Amino acid sequence: MDFDYRSSLSRRLIAVHSLYYEACATMDLEHVNRVVVPDVLPIAFSLVHQLLIEDGSVVFLGGPVPQMSERGRRKWDSRSTTRQGKDVRK
C-alpha cells in the first residue's frame, strides 16, 4: 500500500487553517494579545507559530518557499505587545 503523504498533509493543513480562520473571525486584537495568567503566552503566540508551520509545510506540498524574512520577523516583534509572556505595554 502506497501512502501519499502529500495528500494527508494537505488535508491536515486545510483543517488547521480553517481553525485559524475561525479563531481570527471570532476574536479581536484585545482577545488575541490578552495575557490572562502570568507565564502563559497569549493566543497571538500560537497563531503566529501556526502560520509559520503552515508556511514551512507548503514547501513539502510543492508550493513556494515562505516569504517571511528575518526583517519581517523583527517588524512583527516590534509590534507585539508581549515578550516571552511578559506584557510590555506597561
Protein backbone atom coordinates (compact mmCIF):
# COMPACT_ATOMS: atom_id res chain seq x y z
CA MET A 1 0.00 0.00 0.00
CA ASP A 2 1.46 3.32 -1.07
CA PHE A 3 0.89 6.18 1.36
CA ASP A 4 0.63 9.58 -0.24
CA TYR A 5 1.99 11.84 2.50
CA ARG A 6 1.27 14.95 0.47
CA SER A 7 -2.48 14.41 0.31
CA SER A 8 -2.55 13.63 4.04
CA LEU A 9 -0.52 16.74 4.85
CA SER A 10 -2.70 18.83 2.58
CA ARG A 11 -5.90 17.67 4.31
CA ARG A 12 -4.41 18.37 7.72
CA LEU A 13 -3.25 21.86 6.71
CA ILE A 14 -6.70 22.66 5.34
CA ALA A 15 -8.28 21.55 8.63
CA VAL A 16 -5.84 23.53 10.77
CA HIS A 17 -6.17 26.60 8.55
CA SER A 18 -9.96 26.53 8.92
CA LEU A 19 -9.45 26.68 12.71
CA TYR A 20 -7.15 29.68 12.19
CA TYR A 21 -9.83 31.48 10.17
CA GLU A 22 -12.46 30.68 12.79
CA ALA A 23 -10.23 31.99 15.60
CA CYS A 24 -9.48 35.21 13.72
CA ALA A 25 -13.16 35.74 12.87
CA THR A 26 -14.32 35.36 16.47
CA MET A 27 -11.63 37.37 18.29
CA ASP A 28 -10.48 40.96 18.14
CA LEU A 29 -6.98 42.29 18.80
CA GLU A 30 -7.62 42.66 22.53
CA HIS A 31 -8.53 38.97 22.85
CA VAL A 32 -5.57 37.81 20.78
CA ASN A 33 -2.99 39.77 22.78
CA ARG A 34 -4.58 39.29 26.20
CA VAL A 35 -2.33 37.93 28.95
CA VAL A 36 -4.75 36.04 31.21
CA VAL A 37 -2.27 34.41 33.55
CA PRO A 38 1.39 35.35 34.11
CA ASP A 39 3.83 32.94 32.41
CA VAL A 40 1.17 31.87 29.88
CA LEU A 41 1.60 33.24 26.37
CA PRO A 42 -1.36 34.90 24.62
CA ILE A 43 -3.16 33.28 21.70
CA ALA A 44 -1.19 35.52 19.30
CA PHE A 45 1.87 33.35 20.00
CA SER A 46 0.00 30.23 18.88
CA LEU A 47 -1.46 31.93 15.81
CA VAL A 48 1.95 33.14 14.63
CA HIS A 49 3.50 29.71 15.10
CA GLN A 50 0.61 28.07 13.29
CA LEU A 51 1.23 30.34 10.29
CA LEU A 52 4.97 29.65 10.35
CA ILE A 53 4.35 25.89 10.45
CA GLU A 54 1.85 26.16 7.59
CA ASP A 55 4.27 28.24 5.53
CA GLY A 56 7.05 25.72 6.11
CA SER A 57 4.79 22.78 5.26
CA VAL A 58 3.67 24.26 1.95
CA VAL A 59 7.16 23.59 0.57
CA PHE A 60 6.60 19.85 1.11
CA LEU A 61 3.42 20.11 -0.97
CA GLY A 62 5.35 21.62 -3.88
CA GLY A 63 4.47 25.23 -3.09
CA PRO A 64 6.67 28.31 -2.89
CA VAL A 65 9.25 28.97 -0.18
CA PRO A 66 7.83 31.11 2.69
CA GLN A 67 8.28 34.85 2.25
CA MET A 68 8.58 35.73 5.95
CA SER A 69 12.08 37.13 6.11
CA GLU A 70 14.16 37.92 9.17
CA ARG A 71 13.28 41.59 8.59
CA GLY A 72 9.58 40.69 8.64
CA ARG A 73 10.02 38.80 11.90
CA ARG A 74 11.75 41.79 13.51
CA LYS A 75 8.92 44.05 12.35
CA TRP A 76 6.38 41.61 13.84
CA ASP A 77 8.31 41.50 17.12
CA SER A 78 8.33 45.30 17.32
CA ARG A 79 4.53 45.37 17.01
CA SER A 80 3.93 42.58 19.52
CA THR A 81 2.65 43.59 22.94
CA THR A 82 4.40 40.73 24.74
CA ARG A 83 7.94 39.47 25.03
CA GLN A 84 8.34 35.96 26.39
CA GLY A 85 4.95 36.09 28.09
CA LYS A 86 5.50 39.50 29.73
CA ASP A 87 3.11 42.34 28.96
CA VAL A 88 5.33 45.19 27.69
CA ARG A 89 2.56 47.76 27.28
CA LYS A 90 3.00 48.98 30.87
